[in-house]
């Protein structure tokens, strides 16, 4: 499953969604180990369902492995987020890992907008995400990574972060995004190391309505957010990847919220996401 190693899973979530009447509902759902979901919510009258993924264990430790399968049937529309930040603690001589598989059927919509991924001192974390989507489907993937607190006050002491996202559209490979960060004991203010920043974020959107006008508008939003350093890359197909560097989770989240709000307004007329969790 998900390309995950053949080993016992710390947590597993399998979710298949389909439209039933005016709403999207779960037609198959399975939880295992420490992964669960809260009761589904409908944030507006569009019928799009929202799921919060929960890890009651409180964080990831050495050897923890999580598997998430999300399958959207034709016309299904869903927002997937987390109840809180994902925390990765010390993983001496090992790693924690998460493997995701996402399939989007015709005219389906997935907005995956989790809270930040926090890596603490001496943490090693590996994540893979494989997406297969129909040419008419719409995908938004967001991720923000931040270093956690360290006893000596240093902000950047996690061991290694590896994140690989592979996207197939209409049966053809559209994009492969590999992110590798090995800060070790490096000084984040050093030249050439995340441009002296401590936080990194990625926002990927794939949709047949992505065009040059939209890319120009997204670029304008990044220019307006002066505290964040951004790079916008058009994919070899209707989509883009926005990579951002900053020093504060809220800065990156604000920019991503603004971009996602633009996409929702332009494509469906929906209001910005309101994912308040308190």
Protein backbone atom coordinates (compact mmCIF):
# COMPACT_ATOMS: atom_id res chain seq x y z
CA UNK A 1 0.00 0.00 0.00
CA UNK A 2 1.23 3.51 -0.97
CA UNK A 3 4.65 2.03 -1.74
CA UNK A 4 5.21 1.75 2.01
CA UNK A 5 7.71 -0.82 3.28
CA UNK A 6 6.33 -4.22 4.30
CA UNK A 7 6.27 -3.54 8.02
CA UNK A 8 3.72 -2.95 10.75
CA UNK A 9 2.06 0.45 10.37
CA UNK A 10 1.85 2.86 13.25
CA UNK A 11 -1.23 4.40 11.69
CA UNK A 12 -3.34 3.83 8.60
CA UNK A 13 -6.18 5.75 6.98
CA UNK A 14 -8.16 4.60 3.93
CA UNK A 15 -10.81 6.99 2.66
CA UNK A 16 -12.97 6.65 -0.46
CA UNK A 17 -15.33 9.51 -1.26
CA UNK A 18 -18.18 9.85 -3.74
CA UNK A 19 -21.07 12.26 -4.38
CA UNK A 20 -24.43 11.17 -2.97
CA UNK A 21 -27.12 13.65 -3.81
CA UNK A 22 -25.88 17.21 -3.28
CA UNK A 23 -23.05 16.19 -0.93
CA UNK A 24 -19.81 14.23 -1.02
CA UNK A 25 -19.73 11.41 1.53
CA UNK A 26 -17.39 8.59 2.55
CA UNK A 27 -18.40 5.32 0.89
CA UNK A 28 -15.44 3.48 2.40
CA UNK A 29 -13.45 4.38 5.47
CA UNK A 30 -10.95 2.47 7.59
CA UNK A 31 -8.74 3.57 10.46
CA UNK A 32 -5.90 1.63 11.97
CA UNK A 33 -3.40 2.33 14.72
CA UNK A 34 -3.00 5.98 15.66
CA UNK A 35 -4.60 7.66 12.61
CA UNK A 36 -8.22 8.73 12.89
CA UNK A 37 -10.57 11.35 11.46
CA UNK A 38 -13.00 13.66 13.18
CA UNK A 39 -16.62 13.86 12.17
CA UNK A 40 -16.87 15.24 8.60
CA UNK A 41 -17.92 18.86 8.21
CA UNK A 42 -19.57 20.87 5.44
CA UNK A 43 -18.24 24.42 5.53
CA UNK A 44 -20.63 25.84 2.93
CA UNK A 45 -23.57 24.81 0.75
CA UNK A 46 -21.39 23.49 -2.11
CA UNK A 47 -21.51 19.89 -0.86
CA UNK A 48 -17.72 19.75 -0.47
CA UNK A 49 -16.83 17.72 2.63
CA UNK A 50 -14.00 18.51 5.05
CA UNK A 51 -12.06 15.86 6.99
CA UNK A 52 -9.64 16.48 9.87
CA UNK A 53 -6.97 13.80 10.28
CA UNK A 54 -5.99 13.18 13.91
CA UNK A 55 -2.98 11.43 15.46
CA UNK A 56 -3.85 10.88 19.15
CA UNK A 57 -0.30 9.67 19.77
CA UNK A 58 0.85 13.28 19.91
CA UNK A 59 3.82 12.96 17.55
CA UNK A 60 6.07 10.76 15.42
CA UNK A 61 8.97 8.76 16.82
CA UNK A 62 11.73 6.56 15.40
CA UNK A 63 10.32 3.71 13.34
CA UNK A 64 6.80 5.16 13.11
CA UNK A 65 5.29 4.57 9.67
CA UNK A 66 1.97 5.99 8.50
CA UNK A 67 -0.01 5.15 5.35
CA UNK A 68 -2.82 7.28 3.93
CA UNK A 69 -4.97 6.34 0.92
CA UNK A 70 -7.44 8.90 -0.45
CA UNK A 71 -9.64 7.86 -3.37
CA UNK A 72 -12.10 10.29 -4.98
CA UNK A 73 -14.73 8.90 -7.30
CA UNK A 74 -16.11 10.97 -10.17
CA UNK A 75 -17.46 14.31 -8.98
CA UNK A 76 -16.31 13.97 -5.36
CA UNK A 77 -15.09 17.17 -3.65
CA UNK A 78 -13.14 17.21 -0.39
CA UNK A 79 -10.87 19.29 1.83
CA UNK A 80 -8.41 17.25 3.94
CA UNK A 81 -6.57 18.92 6.79
CA UNK A 82 -5.14 17.98 10.19
CA UNK A 83 -6.41 18.80 13.65
CA UNK A 84 -3.02 20.26 14.63
CA UNK A 85 0.61 20.38 13.58
CA UNK A 86 2.44 17.10 12.89
CA UNK A 87 5.38 16.83 15.30
CA UNK A 88 8.43 14.66 14.66
CA UNK A 89 10.58 14.11 17.73
CA UNK A 90 14.11 12.71 18.05
CA UNK A 91 14.65 9.61 15.88
CA UNK A 92 18.16 8.41 16.83
CA UNK A 93 19.59 5.96 14.26
CA UNK A 94 16.27 5.81 12.42
CA UNK A 95 13.43 7.80 10.87
CA UNK A 96 9.70 8.38 10.93
CA UNK A 97 7.85 8.09 7.63
CA UNK A 98 4.53 8.76 5.94
CA UNK A 99 3.41 7.34 2.60
CA UNK A 100 0.39 8.78 0.79
CA UNK A 101 -1.48 7.58 -2.27
CA UNK A 102 -4.10 9.83 -3.81
CA UNK A 103 -6.39 9.04 -6.74
CA UNK A 104 -8.70 11.63 -8.28
CA UNK A 105 -11.47 10.53 -10.64
CA UNK A 106 -13.13 12.67 -13.33
CA UNK A 107 -14.26 16.14 -12.20
CA UNK A 108 -13.17 15.48 -8.61
CA UNK A 109 -11.57 18.09 -6.33
CA UNK A 110 -9.05 17.64 -3.51
CA UNK A 111 -7.62 20.43 -1.38
CA UNK A 112 -5.01 18.94 0.98
CA UNK A 113 -4.09 21.66 3.46
CA UNK A 114 -2.51 20.23 6.64
CA UNK A 115 -1.12 22.22 9.53
CA UNK A 116 2.65 22.62 9.70
CA UNK A 117 5.12 19.75 9.91
CA UNK A 118 7.44 20.45 12.88
CA UNK A 119 10.80 18.66 13.09
CA UNK A 120 12.54 18.76 16.44
CA UNK A 121 16.20 18.31 17.33
CA UNK A 122 17.76 15.17 15.77
CA UNK A 123 14.56 14.28 13.92
CA UNK A 124 14.64 12.46 10.59
CA UNK A 125 11.45 12.32 8.53
CA UNK A 126 10.64 10.87 5.11
CA UNK A 127 7.44 11.42 3.18
CA UNK A 128 6.25 10.13 -0.18
CA UNK A 129 3.09 11.17 -2.01
CA UNK A 130 1.92 9.59 -5.26
CA UNK A 131 -1.01 11.23 -7.06
CA UNK A 132 -2.94 9.86 -10.01
CA UNK A 133 -5.56 12.22 -11.38
CA UNK A 134 -7.95 12.39 -14.28
CA UNK A 135 -7.35 15.22 -16.74
CA UNK A 136 -10.56 16.91 -15.56
CA UNK A 137 -9.72 16.68 -11.84
CA UNK A 138 -8.49 19.52 -9.61
CA UNK A 139 -5.70 19.16 -7.05
CA UNK A 140 -4.21 21.49 -4.43
CA UNK A 141 -1.42 20.20 -2.15
CA UNK A 142 0.10 22.38 0.57
CA UNK A 143 2.94 21.70 3.01
CA UNK A 144 4.79 23.92 5.49
CA UNK A 145 7.89 22.66 7.32
CA UNK A 146 9.27 24.37 10.41
CA UNK A 147 12.10 23.54 12.83
CA UNK A 148 11.04 22.82 16.40
CA UNK A 149 12.36 24.07 19.71
CA UNK A 150 15.81 22.94 20.86
CA UNK A 151 17.10 22.89 24.48
CA UNK A 152 20.04 25.12 23.58
CA UNK A 153 17.78 27.65 21.92
CA UNK A 154 18.95 26.85 18.39
CA UNK A 155 16.14 26.84 15.83
CA UNK A 156 17.53 24.53 13.20
CA UNK A 157 18.76 21.26 14.57
CA UNK A 158 16.74 18.48 12.93
CA UNK A 159 18.69 15.79 11.13
CA UNK A 160 17.11 15.19 7.74
CA UNK A 161 13.94 15.84 5.78
CA UNK A 162 13.11 13.98 2.58
CA UNK A 163 9.85 14.65 0.72
CA UNK A 164 9.02 13.19 -2.69
CA UNK A 165 5.82 14.00 -4.57
CA UNK A 166 5.03 12.28 -7.87
CA UNK A 167 2.02 13.39 -9.92
CA UNK A 168 0.53 11.49 -12.86
CA UNK A 169 -2.19 13.17 -14.93
CA UNK A 170 -4.23 11.24 -17.47
CA UNK A 171 -1.85 8.30 -17.13
CA UNK A 172 1.26 10.38 -17.87
CA UNK A 173 3.91 11.64 -15.50
CA UNK A 174 3.37 15.35 -14.95
CA UNK A 175 5.79 16.23 -12.17
CA UNK A 176 8.28 14.84 -9.66
CA UNK A 177 9.22 17.08 -6.75
CA UNK A 178 12.11 15.98 -4.53
CA UNK A 179 12.95 18.00 -1.44
CA UNK A 180 15.99 17.11 0.68
CA UNK A 181 17.14 19.21 3.63
CA UNK A 182 20.02 18.12 5.88
CA UNK A 183 20.68 20.98 8.28
CA UNK A 184 22.56 19.00 10.92
CA UNK A 185 24.31 21.64 13.00
CA UNK A 186 24.42 24.19 10.19
CA UNK A 187 23.70 27.83 10.86
CA UNK A 188 20.47 28.76 9.02
CA UNK A 189 21.82 32.25 8.47
CA UNK A 190 24.57 30.82 6.29
CA UNK A 191 24.69 31.83 2.64
CA UNK A 192 23.17 29.20 0.35
CA UNK A 193 21.27 27.40 3.09
CA UNK A 194 17.56 28.16 2.49
CA UNK A 195 18.68 31.71 1.79
CA UNK A 196 19.13 32.20 5.53
CA UNK A 197 15.49 31.29 6.28
CA UNK A 198 14.25 28.56 8.62
CA UNK A 199 10.80 27.66 7.22
CA UNK A 200 10.00 26.17 3.82
CA UNK A 201 6.63 25.69 2.15
CA UNK A 202 5.34 24.14 -1.07
CA UNK A 203 1.97 24.68 -2.73
CA UNK A 204 1.15 22.58 -5.79
CA UNK A 205 -1.94 23.11 -7.95
CA UNK A 206 -3.01 21.03 -10.95
CA UNK A 207 -6.20 21.99 -12.78
CA UNK A 208 -7.20 22.37 -16.44
CA UNK A 209 -8.10 26.02 -15.71
CA UNK A 210 -4.53 27.03 -14.84
CA UNK A 211 -3.41 29.51 -17.50
CA UNK A 212 -0.97 32.39 -17.95
CA UNK A 213 -3.41 34.91 -16.51
CA UNK A 214 -3.78 32.89 -13.32
CA UNK A 215 -0.01 32.44 -13.03
CA UNK A 216 0.44 36.21 -13.32
CA UNK A 217 -2.14 36.75 -10.57
CA UNK A 218 -0.48 34.20 -8.27
CA UNK A 219 2.89 35.84 -8.90
CA UNK A 220 1.40 39.22 -7.96
CA UNK A 221 0.19 37.78 -4.65
CA UNK A 222 3.68 36.51 -3.86
CA UNK A 223 5.16 39.91 -4.64
CA UNK A 224 2.73 41.52 -2.20
CA UNK A 225 3.89 39.21 0.62
CA UNK A 226 7.27 40.85 1.09
CA UNK A 227 8.30 38.87 4.17
CA UNK A 228 8.30 35.61 2.21
CA UNK A 229 10.78 34.69 -0.53
CA UNK A 230 8.93 32.79 -3.28
CA UNK A 231 9.53 31.00 -6.55
CA UNK A 232 6.70 30.09 -8.94
CA UNK A 233 7.20 27.30 -11.49
CA UNK A 234 4.71 26.38 -14.23
CA UNK A 235 4.39 22.63 -14.80
CA UNK A 236 4.53 20.97 -18.22
CA UNK A 237 0.75 20.88 -18.10
CA UNK A 238 -1.99 22.95 -16.45
CA UNK A 239 -0.47 23.48 -13.03
CA UNK A 240 2.20 25.16 -10.91
CA UNK A 241 4.43 24.72 -7.88
CA UNK A 242 4.95 27.60 -5.48
CA UNK A 243 7.98 27.20 -3.20
CA UNK A 244 8.42 29.64 -0.34
CA UNK A 245 10.99 30.46 2.31
CA UNK A 246 10.35 32.39 5.50
CA UNK A 247 11.01 32.64 9.23
CA UNK A 248 7.47 32.24 10.54
CA UNK A 249 4.75 29.64 9.97
CA UNK A 250 2.04 32.29 9.97
CA UNK A 251 3.74 34.17 7.11
CA UNK A 252 3.75 31.12 4.84
CA UNK A 253 0.25 30.04 5.88
CA UNK A 254 -1.10 33.51 5.15
CA UNK A 255 0.34 33.47 1.63
CA UNK A 256 -0.95 29.96 0.94
CA UNK A 257 -4.40 30.88 2.26
CA UNK A 258 -4.44 33.88 -0.07
CA UNK A 259 -3.45 31.83 -3.11
CA UNK A 260 -5.97 29.08 -2.34
CA UNK A 261 -8.67 31.72 -1.83
CA UNK A 262 -7.86 33.07 -5.31
CA UNK A 263 -8.20 29.60 -6.84
CA UNK A 264 -11.51 28.92 -5.09
CA UNK A 265 -12.93 32.28 -6.06
CA UNK A 266 -11.80 31.98 -9.68
CA UNK A 267 -12.84 28.35 -10.22
CA UNK A 268 -15.91 27.70 -8.06
CA UNK A 269 -16.97 31.00 -6.54
CA UNK A 270 -16.44 29.58 -3.04
CA UNK A 271 -15.37 31.67 -0.08
CA UNK A 272 -11.85 31.30 1.34
CA UNK A 273 -11.24 28.21 3.49
CA UNK A 274 -12.11 28.72 7.14
CA UNK A 275 -10.33 25.92 9.01
CA UNK A 276 -10.39 27.39 12.54
CA UNK A 277 -9.52 24.61 14.99
CA UNK A 278 -10.08 26.32 18.32
